[in-house]
């Protein structure tokens, strides 16, 4: 196995996508005393997301959402939304470039699970309960789910203009699919 040096990691960071999910394979020291604390901290660091990596109003996602979101936005509108989202009144990505997702607890019942997910934005932590379903198909483990939460639940104020005459809804509906492939 190749050695992963700091220089290698730095060079690979420039090639990573907006989101990268890493699954680690057990090594010979996996069951040594104290390893759980090391694995826990490593996992915590792997769940940091750069705030400026968020994709805004993706045309395919908008079409899949349907309804009022079915029509794509022009590039100028998308760029404006992104600028506001990353600005100091929202995510404040200049001062808080990382969004931290930390799994506090997982409760599993059959093919369902609920994850107590700590979300840290702008240095403030909020807790969300995230329901999901999971299934295994050969060497692939798939988890998927959706949830609705309020921006105000995670410490954000919905964006507004003209003294609130035009504003973004407080509710956020999120869908996700995570895939893990055994090697």
Protein backbone atom coordinates (compact mmCIF):
# COMPACT_ATOMS: atom_id res chain seq x y z
CA UNK A 1 0.00 0.00 0.00
CA UNK A 2 1.30 3.46 -0.90
CA UNK A 3 2.17 5.91 1.84
CA UNK A 4 -0.19 8.89 1.93
CA UNK A 5 2.03 11.86 2.73
CA UNK A 6 0.93 15.39 3.62
CA UNK A 7 2.22 16.58 0.23
CA UNK A 8 0.15 13.93 -1.56
CA UNK A 9 -2.95 14.95 0.39
CA UNK A 10 -2.40 18.63 -0.46
CA UNK A 11 -1.98 17.83 -4.15
CA UNK A 12 -5.17 15.72 -4.18
CA UNK A 13 -7.28 18.39 -2.49
CA UNK A 14 -7.21 20.44 -5.68
CA UNK A 15 -8.72 17.50 -7.57
CA UNK A 16 -11.56 16.74 -5.16
CA UNK A 17 -15.20 17.38 -6.00
CA UNK A 18 -17.53 19.62 -4.03
CA UNK A 19 -18.32 16.68 -1.76
CA UNK A 20 -16.15 13.67 -1.10
CA UNK A 21 -17.16 10.74 1.09
CA UNK A 22 -14.40 8.44 2.28
CA UNK A 23 -14.86 4.93 3.63
CA UNK A 24 -11.89 3.33 5.30
CA UNK A 25 -10.99 -0.35 5.13
CA UNK A 26 -9.99 -2.17 8.32
CA UNK A 27 -6.25 -2.56 8.76
CA UNK A 28 -4.21 -4.86 11.02
CA UNK A 29 -4.45 -2.46 14.01
CA UNK A 30 -8.24 -1.98 13.80
CA UNK A 31 -8.85 -3.80 17.10
CA UNK A 32 -5.99 -2.39 19.18
CA UNK A 33 -6.75 -0.65 22.47
CA UNK A 34 -7.86 2.97 22.06
CA UNK A 35 -8.47 2.76 18.31
CA UNK A 36 -12.15 3.77 18.58
CA UNK A 37 -11.19 7.27 19.70
CA UNK A 38 -8.83 7.61 16.74
CA UNK A 39 -11.44 6.35 14.26
CA UNK A 40 -14.04 8.68 15.77
CA UNK A 41 -11.85 11.77 15.35
CA UNK A 42 -10.86 10.75 11.83
CA UNK A 43 -14.50 10.34 10.91
CA UNK A 44 -15.32 13.75 12.37
CA UNK A 45 -12.76 15.39 10.11
CA UNK A 46 -14.05 13.54 7.07
CA UNK A 47 -17.48 15.08 7.56
CA UNK A 48 -16.35 18.66 7.23
CA UNK A 49 -17.81 20.32 4.15
CA UNK A 50 -16.46 23.52 2.72
CA UNK A 51 -19.26 26.09 2.73
CA UNK A 52 -18.34 27.31 -0.74
CA UNK A 53 -18.73 23.78 -2.13
CA UNK A 54 -22.53 23.91 -2.05
CA UNK A 55 -24.23 23.75 -5.45
CA UNK A 56 -27.02 26.29 -5.86
CA UNK A 57 -30.21 25.67 -7.85
CA UNK A 58 -28.86 22.78 -9.92
CA UNK A 59 -31.13 22.55 -13.00
CA UNK A 60 -31.51 18.75 -12.77
CA UNK A 61 -32.39 18.91 -9.07
CA UNK A 62 -34.89 21.71 -9.69
CA UNK A 63 -36.57 19.67 -12.45
CA UNK A 64 -36.74 16.62 -10.15
CA UNK A 65 -38.32 18.74 -7.39
CA UNK A 66 -41.05 19.88 -9.80
CA UNK A 67 -43.76 22.38 -8.95
CA UNK A 68 -42.51 25.93 -8.54
CA UNK A 69 -38.91 24.70 -8.98
CA UNK A 70 -39.44 22.93 -12.34
CA UNK A 71 -38.13 25.81 -14.47
CA UNK A 72 -34.36 26.33 -14.47
CA UNK A 73 -32.92 29.67 -13.34
CA UNK A 74 -30.59 31.62 -15.59
CA UNK A 75 -26.90 31.72 -14.66
CA UNK A 76 -27.16 35.29 -13.31
CA UNK A 77 -29.94 34.33 -10.88
CA UNK A 78 -28.00 31.26 -9.75
CA UNK A 79 -24.84 33.34 -9.23
CA UNK A 80 -26.80 35.94 -7.23
CA UNK A 81 -28.36 33.27 -5.01
CA UNK A 82 -24.96 31.71 -4.42
CA UNK A 83 -23.40 35.07 -3.56
CA UNK A 84 -26.13 35.78 -1.00
CA UNK A 85 -25.95 32.26 0.45
CA UNK A 86 -22.19 32.53 1.02
CA UNK A 87 -22.39 36.16 2.20
CA UNK A 88 -22.06 37.42 5.75
CA UNK A 89 -25.85 37.45 6.38
CA UNK A 90 -26.14 33.72 5.61
CA UNK A 91 -23.31 31.14 5.75
CA UNK A 92 -20.59 33.82 6.04
CA UNK A 93 -18.18 31.53 4.20
CA UNK A 94 -15.34 34.05 4.46
CA UNK A 95 -15.29 33.76 8.27
CA UNK A 96 -16.78 30.25 8.58
CA UNK A 97 -15.55 28.28 5.54
CA UNK A 98 -16.51 24.87 6.95
CA UNK A 99 -19.87 23.27 7.67
CA UNK A 100 -19.42 20.43 10.16
CA UNK A 101 -21.69 17.36 10.19
CA UNK A 102 -21.22 15.16 13.23
CA UNK A 103 -23.18 11.97 13.83
CA UNK A 104 -24.12 11.96 17.53
CA UNK A 105 -26.20 8.78 17.54
CA UNK A 106 -27.72 6.23 15.16
CA UNK A 107 -30.87 4.28 16.05
CA UNK A 108 -31.50 1.33 13.73
CA UNK A 109 -34.76 -0.61 13.37
CA UNK A 110 -34.79 -3.18 10.56
CA UNK A 111 -34.04 -1.37 7.31
CA UNK A 112 -34.61 2.09 8.82
CA UNK A 113 -32.43 4.35 10.90
CA UNK A 114 -32.60 7.75 12.54
CA UNK A 115 -29.39 9.73 12.81
CA UNK A 116 -28.99 12.45 15.42
CA UNK A 117 -26.92 14.82 13.27
CA UNK A 118 -25.14 17.80 14.78
CA UNK A 119 -24.80 20.57 12.18
CA UNK A 120 -22.34 23.36 12.91
CA UNK A 121 -22.84 26.54 10.88
CA UNK A 122 -21.20 29.87 11.65
CA UNK A 123 -19.70 28.31 14.76
CA UNK A 124 -23.10 27.34 16.24
CA UNK A 125 -24.25 23.75 16.62
CA UNK A 126 -27.82 22.56 16.01
CA UNK A 127 -29.20 19.03 16.20
CA UNK A 128 -31.36 17.48 13.47
CA UNK A 129 -33.07 14.08 13.50
CA UNK A 130 -32.45 12.54 10.07
CA UNK A 131 -34.59 9.53 9.05
CA UNK A 132 -33.23 7.16 6.43
CA UNK A 133 -33.72 3.77 4.85
CA UNK A 134 -30.83 1.50 4.00
CA UNK A 135 -30.33 -1.65 1.98
CA UNK A 136 -27.47 -3.81 0.87
CA UNK A 137 -27.19 -5.17 -2.66
CA UNK A 138 -24.11 -7.39 -2.98
CA UNK A 139 -21.10 -5.19 -2.26
CA UNK A 140 -23.07 -1.94 -2.27
CA UNK A 141 -24.67 -0.38 0.81
CA UNK A 142 -27.15 2.37 0.01
CA UNK A 143 -28.70 4.79 2.49
CA UNK A 144 -31.25 7.36 1.42
CA UNK A 145 -33.66 9.71 3.01
CA UNK A 146 -35.24 13.11 3.08
CA UNK A 147 -36.18 15.61 5.69
CA UNK A 148 -37.63 19.08 6.04
CA UNK A 149 -36.19 21.53 8.53
CA UNK A 150 -36.20 25.28 9.01
CA UNK A 151 -33.26 27.56 8.32
CA UNK A 152 -33.98 29.13 11.71
CA UNK A 153 -33.58 25.66 13.31
CA UNK A 154 -29.91 25.71 12.29
CA UNK A 155 -29.20 29.33 13.14
CA UNK A 156 -29.81 30.97 9.75
CA UNK A 157 -32.24 33.73 8.87
CA UNK A 158 -34.02 33.28 5.53
CA UNK A 159 -32.78 35.75 2.94
CA UNK A 160 -35.09 38.70 2.29
CA UNK A 161 -35.18 41.90 0.27
CA UNK A 162 -37.21 45.12 0.38
CA UNK A 163 -38.00 44.91 4.11
CA UNK A 164 -39.28 41.35 3.71
CA UNK A 165 -41.51 41.93 0.68
CA UNK A 166 -39.46 39.30 -1.14
CA UNK A 167 -38.00 36.49 0.91
CA UNK A 168 -36.86 32.89 0.79
CA UNK A 169 -39.03 30.36 2.64
CA UNK A 170 -37.76 29.21 6.04
CA UNK A 171 -38.32 25.52 5.19
CA UNK A 172 -35.56 23.52 3.52
CA UNK A 173 -36.36 20.12 2.04
CA UNK A 174 -33.27 17.94 1.67
CA UNK A 175 -32.92 14.59 -0.11
CA UNK A 176 -29.81 12.45 -0.04
CA UNK A 177 -28.42 9.14 -1.24
CA UNK A 178 -25.17 7.72 0.11
CA UNK A 179 -23.49 4.75 -1.56
CA UNK A 180 -20.69 2.64 -0.12
CA UNK A 181 -18.99 0.01 -2.24
CA UNK A 182 -17.00 -2.78 -0.60
CA UNK A 183 -13.65 -3.36 -2.27
